[in-house]
Protein backbone atom coordinates (compact mmCIF):
# COMPACT_ATOMS: atom_id res chain seq x y z
CA UNK A 1 -20.73 -155.83 -80.16
CA UNK A 2 -23.74 -155.63 -77.66
CA UNK A 3 -26.01 -158.31 -79.13
CA UNK A 4 -23.04 -160.62 -78.85
CA UNK A 5 -21.92 -159.65 -75.59
CA UNK A 6 -25.45 -159.81 -73.79
CA UNK A 7 -25.71 -163.45 -75.55
CA UNK A 8 -22.68 -164.55 -74.21
CA UNK A 9 -23.65 -163.03 -70.60
CA UNK A 10 -26.78 -165.06 -70.75
CA UNK A 11 -24.97 -168.44 -71.31
CA UNK A 12 -22.44 -168.34 -69.23
CA UNK A 13 -19.86 -167.89 -72.07
CA UNK A 14 -16.56 -166.25 -71.62
CA UNK A 15 -15.41 -163.43 -73.64
CA UNK A 16 -12.40 -161.13 -73.51
CA UNK A 17 -12.87 -157.29 -74.21
CA UNK A 18 -10.38 -155.04 -74.66
CA UNK A 19 -11.41 -151.22 -74.90
CA UNK A 20 -10.56 -148.25 -73.60
CA UNK A 21 -13.42 -146.84 -72.09
CA UNK A 22 -15.94 -148.63 -69.61
CA UNK A 23 -18.64 -146.52 -68.58
CA UNK A 24 -21.45 -147.97 -71.12
CA UNK A 25 -20.82 -151.31 -70.77
CA UNK A 26 -23.04 -153.05 -68.04
CA UNK A 27 -21.56 -154.52 -65.17
CA UNK A 28 -23.24 -157.85 -65.43
CA UNK A 29 -21.02 -158.70 -68.47
CA UNK A 30 -17.74 -158.87 -66.66
CA UNK A 31 -16.23 -160.71 -63.47
CA UNK A 32 -13.05 -158.86 -64.30
CA UNK A 33 -11.84 -155.89 -65.50
CA UNK A 34 -8.20 -155.29 -66.18
CA UNK A 35 -6.95 -151.55 -66.30
CA UNK A 36 -3.64 -151.68 -67.89
CA UNK A 37 -1.23 -148.98 -66.47
CA UNK A 38 1.94 -147.43 -67.93
CA UNK A 39 4.56 -144.88 -66.92
CA UNK A 40 3.91 -141.63 -68.66
CA UNK A 41 7.63 -141.73 -70.33
CA UNK A 42 6.84 -145.24 -71.44
CA UNK A 43 3.18 -144.23 -72.55
CA UNK A 44 4.97 -141.31 -74.62
CA UNK A 45 7.34 -143.00 -76.25
CA UNK A 46 5.03 -145.92 -77.14
CA UNK A 47 2.77 -143.57 -78.99
CA UNK A 48 5.53 -141.71 -80.68
CA UNK A 49 6.57 -144.97 -81.84
CA UNK A 50 3.19 -145.71 -83.31
CA UNK A 51 3.30 -142.33 -85.19
CA UNK A 52 0.47 -140.92 -82.98
CA UNK A 53 0.21 -136.76 -83.35
CA UNK A 54 1.54 -134.82 -80.39
CA UNK A 55 -1.90 -133.91 -79.89
CA UNK A 56 -3.04 -137.20 -79.35
CA UNK A 57 0.07 -138.38 -77.42
CA UNK A 58 -0.95 -135.25 -74.91
CA UNK A 59 -4.24 -136.19 -74.67
CA UNK A 60 -3.34 -140.02 -73.77
CA UNK A 61 -0.66 -139.03 -71.22
CA UNK A 62 -2.87 -136.61 -69.34
CA UNK A 63 -5.65 -139.28 -69.41
CA UNK A 64 -2.84 -141.53 -67.80
CA UNK A 65 -1.56 -138.95 -65.34
CA UNK A 66 -5.29 -138.33 -64.12
CA UNK A 67 -6.28 -141.91 -63.99
CA UNK A 68 -8.99 -141.70 -66.48
CA UNK A 69 -9.84 -145.11 -67.13
CA UNK A 70 -9.23 -146.67 -63.89
CA UNK A 71 -11.62 -144.15 -62.25
CA UNK A 72 -14.18 -144.73 -64.48
CA UNK A 73 -13.68 -148.38 -63.95
CA UNK A 74 -13.76 -148.10 -60.59
CA UNK A 75 -17.14 -145.68 -61.04
CA UNK A 76 -18.88 -148.27 -63.27
CA UNK A 77 -18.06 -151.62 -61.59
CA UNK A 78 -17.46 -153.45 -58.19
CA UNK A 79 -14.26 -152.35 -56.70
CA UNK A 80 -13.50 -156.06 -56.04
CA UNK A 81 -13.39 -156.90 -59.73
CA UNK A 82 -11.36 -153.77 -60.70
CA UNK A 83 -7.61 -154.69 -61.13
CA UNK A 84 -4.84 -152.16 -61.92
CA UNK A 85 -1.61 -153.85 -63.67
CA UNK A 86 1.13 -152.26 -64.99
CA UNK A 87 2.19 -152.59 -68.82
CA UNK A 88 5.61 -151.00 -68.91
CA UNK A 89 7.91 -153.55 -70.11
CA UNK A 90 7.74 -156.97 -72.09
CA UNK A 91 8.07 -158.70 -68.53
CA UNK A 92 5.10 -157.01 -67.33
CA UNK A 93 3.00 -158.03 -70.26
CA UNK A 94 4.16 -161.55 -69.93
CA UNK A 95 3.49 -161.13 -66.38
CA UNK A 96 -0.04 -159.75 -67.39
CA UNK A 97 -0.89 -162.58 -69.68
CA UNK A 98 -0.02 -165.24 -67.35
CA UNK A 99 -2.12 -163.97 -64.63
CA UNK A 100 -5.10 -163.49 -67.11
CA UNK A 101 -4.66 -167.15 -67.98
CA UNK A 102 -4.65 -168.14 -64.53
CA UNK A 103 -7.98 -166.00 -63.90
CA UNK A 104 -9.46 -167.81 -67.21
CA UNK A 105 -8.69 -171.27 -65.60
CA UNK A 106 -10.29 -170.53 -62.51
CA UNK A 107 -13.49 -169.04 -64.03
CA UNK A 108 -14.00 -171.92 -66.33
CA UNK A 109 -13.20 -174.23 -63.38
CA UNK A 110 -16.01 -172.56 -61.39
CA UNK A 111 -18.54 -172.14 -63.93
CA UNK A 112 -18.17 -175.77 -64.43
CA UNK A 113 -18.65 -177.01 -60.66
């Protein structure tokens, strides 16, 4: 994945990366970092529905409580590109997708001007 992302960054090609950790990606690769957040009860139920073990559910809920991914993102990237977005309901998912589409259109417009 790294060579592809490096090449895209050099060529100014936009890429969406979905990953659970951020600390090892260079800041130069990203113009926007979205950290999806979830209520711990919603997260626990979601992971249960997916068949995660009790240990894995507990680890994920603890990480959410302690804001591990959000804190990593804020430590690794400029604060102005890190955005925390809720991800509890279908409506929030749809809103997040809509905002991402808007951000992408703006990024493309800025790159082409």
